[in-house]
Amino acid sequence: MPVRKLFRRLTRRRRSIDRLRVGVRLGPDVLLRGSLRGADSVLVCGQVEGNADIAAGFVLAENGYWQGNINATHVVIAGEVHGNVTAREHLEIAASARILGDLRSPVIAIAEGAVHEGAVRMARRTRMIRYDERRGSKEADSE
């Protein structure tokens, strides 16, 4: 699947990252060992062993794998993470996500079906947001 199409599918109907411009794309055949730091948004479809400190958005695609800590402003996880995830503004976990580590963000949305083992920490003044995943049925109808 082309990266552009995959990214549009992952970010469909997400208010916090609708305007996200991806500066760095790691394709499905990429294996990166080392730290990833920068101001551009990142889309990871491959495998990474290391830590990320991103000043913008971070998206881990459905088949992506990350071993290490992730720290970014907006984070969307649809793949597998072995490490802690910190989002400064918004963290969204898709139904296909598998996370082994702690989550920290002022706003966290977890879709039904996602697997998480670890602690969840949110800011004290955060209100709870509940939602039903509706994208799956609409995407299946359109394909």
Protein backbone atom coordinates (compact mmCIF):
# COMPACT_ATOMS: atom_id res chain seq x y z
CA MET A 1 0.00 0.00 0.00
CA PRO A 2 1.45 3.43 -0.89
CA VAL A 3 2.57 5.45 2.13
CA ARG A 4 0.38 8.43 1.22
CA LYS A 5 -2.76 6.26 1.04
CA LEU A 6 -1.85 4.51 4.31
CA PHE A 7 -1.29 7.84 6.06
CA ARG A 8 -4.65 9.20 4.86
CA ARG A 9 -6.37 6.04 6.10
CA LEU A 10 -4.73 6.29 9.53
CA THR A 11 -5.48 9.97 10.00
CA ARG A 12 -9.03 10.01 8.63
CA ARG A 13 -11.41 11.90 10.94
CA ARG A 14 -8.81 12.73 13.57
CA ARG A 15 -9.12 16.38 14.50
CA SER A 16 -5.75 16.76 16.21
CA ILE A 17 -3.68 15.57 13.27
CA ASP A 18 -5.84 16.34 10.23
CA ARG A 19 -3.45 19.08 9.19
CA LEU A 20 -0.32 17.06 9.95
CA ARG A 21 2.35 17.37 7.29
CA VAL A 22 4.71 14.43 7.36
CA GLY A 23 8.35 15.41 7.07
CA VAL A 24 9.88 11.97 7.72
CA ARG A 25 8.54 8.68 6.38
CA LEU A 26 10.05 5.34 7.26
CA GLY A 27 8.72 2.71 4.86
CA PRO A 28 7.68 -0.85 5.70
CA ASP A 29 11.04 -2.32 4.62
CA VAL A 30 13.12 0.02 6.83
CA LEU A 31 14.89 -1.13 10.00
CA LEU A 32 16.37 1.79 11.96
CA ARG A 33 18.57 1.43 15.04
CA GLY A 34 19.19 4.66 16.92
CA SER A 35 17.45 7.76 18.21
CA LEU A 36 15.08 9.88 16.17
CA ARG A 37 14.88 13.59 17.06
CA GLY A 38 13.50 16.58 15.20
CA ALA A 39 10.82 19.16 14.57
CA ASP A 40 9.10 17.44 11.61
CA SER A 41 6.21 15.02 11.92
CA VAL A 42 7.07 11.34 11.51
CA LEU A 43 5.25 8.39 9.93
CA VAL A 44 6.73 4.98 10.76
CA CYS A 45 5.65 1.93 8.78
CA GLY A 46 8.78 -0.14 9.43
CA GLN A 47 10.77 -1.20 12.49
CA VAL A 48 12.70 1.06 14.85
CA GLU A 49 14.88 0.20 17.84
CA GLY A 50 15.59 3.41 19.73
CA ASN A 51 13.95 6.46 21.26
CA ALA A 52 12.03 9.28 19.58
CA ASP A 53 11.81 12.91 20.67
CA ILE A 54 9.63 14.68 18.11
CA ALA A 55 8.40 18.28 18.42
CA ALA A 56 5.41 17.60 16.15
CA GLY A 57 3.22 14.62 15.26
CA PHE A 58 4.17 10.94 15.37
CA VAL A 59 2.25 8.12 13.66
CA LEU A 60 3.13 4.43 14.00
CA ALA A 61 1.31 2.58 11.22
CA GLU A 62 -0.58 -0.67 11.67
CA ASN A 63 2.35 -2.91 10.71
CA GLY A 64 4.95 -0.68 12.35
CA TYR A 65 7.07 -1.83 15.29
CA TRP A 66 8.83 0.43 17.81
CA GLN A 67 11.16 -0.71 20.59
CA GLY A 68 12.00 2.25 22.80
CA ASN A 69 10.34 5.37 24.17
CA ILE A 70 8.24 7.77 22.09
CA ASN A 71 7.87 11.44 23.02
CA ALA A 72 5.93 13.79 20.69
CA THR A 73 3.24 16.47 20.66
CA HIS A 74 0.51 14.41 18.96
CA VAL A 75 0.83 10.62 18.83
CA VAL A 76 -1.19 8.00 16.95
CA ILE A 77 -0.31 4.35 17.54
CA ALA A 78 -1.73 1.63 15.30
CA GLY A 79 1.24 -0.77 15.45
CA GLU A 80 3.27 -2.42 18.20
CA VAL A 81 5.29 -0.52 20.84
CA HIS A 82 7.62 -1.92 23.50
CA GLY A 83 8.37 1.19 25.53
CA ASN A 84 6.76 4.24 27.10
CA VAL A 85 4.66 6.68 25.04
CA THR A 86 4.38 10.36 26.02
CA ALA A 87 2.22 12.82 24.09
CA ARG A 88 2.35 16.46 25.12
CA GLU A 89 -1.16 17.20 23.76
CA HIS A 90 -3.01 14.15 22.42
CA LEU A 91 -2.50 10.37 22.29
CA GLU A 92 -4.69 8.13 20.16
CA ILE A 93 -4.44 4.35 20.20
CA ALA A 94 -6.09 2.48 17.32
CA ALA A 95 -7.82 -0.89 17.65
CA SER A 96 -4.87 -2.64 15.98
CA ALA A 97 -2.33 -1.25 18.50
CA ARG A 98 -0.31 -3.41 20.91
CA ILE A 99 1.56 -1.45 23.60
CA LEU A 100 3.78 -2.80 26.35
CA GLY A 101 4.72 0.26 28.40
CA ASP A 102 3.37 3.32 30.18
CA LEU A 103 1.16 5.97 28.54
CA ARG A 104 1.27 9.65 29.47
CA SER A 105 -0.75 12.48 27.93
CA PRO A 106 -3.35 15.08 28.92
CA VAL A 107 -5.82 13.47 26.45
CA ILE A 108 -5.83 9.74 25.68
CA ALA A 109 -8.25 7.95 23.33
CA ILE A 110 -8.10 4.16 23.21
CA ALA A 111 -10.17 2.29 20.63
CA GLU A 112 -11.91 -0.93 21.57
CA GLY A 113 -9.69 -3.88 20.68
CA ALA A 114 -6.38 -2.17 21.44
CA VAL A 115 -4.07 -4.03 23.83
CA HIS A 116 -2.12 -2.12 26.50
CA GLU A 117 -0.03 -3.42 29.39
CA GLY A 118 1.28 -0.69 31.65
CA ALA A 119 0.30 2.42 33.56
CA VAL A 120 -1.77 5.34 32.26
CA ARG A 121 -1.07 8.86 33.51
CA MET A 122 -3.12 11.91 32.62
CA ALA A 123 -3.14 15.53 33.78
CA ARG A 124 -5.39 16.14 36.78
CA ARG A 125 -7.67 18.63 35.00
CA THR A 126 -8.42 16.38 32.05
CA ARG A 127 -12.00 15.39 31.34
CA MET A 128 -12.79 11.88 30.15
CA ILE A 129 -13.81 11.47 26.53
CA ARG A 130 -15.67 8.33 25.47
CA TYR A 131 -16.24 7.36 21.86
CA ASP A 132 -17.28 4.44 19.70
CA GLU A 133 -14.99 3.41 16.86
CA ARG A 134 -16.94 4.03 13.67
CA ARG A 135 -14.19 4.15 11.08
CA GLY A 136 -13.92 0.38 10.65
CA SER A 137 -17.44 -0.10 9.29
CA LYS A 138 -17.28 2.89 6.95
CA GLU A 139 -13.86 1.90 5.58
CA ALA A 140 -15.03 -1.66 4.97
CA ASP A 141 -18.06 -0.35 3.06
CA SER A 142 -15.96 1.95 0.87
CA GLU A 143 -13.35 -0.69 -0.12
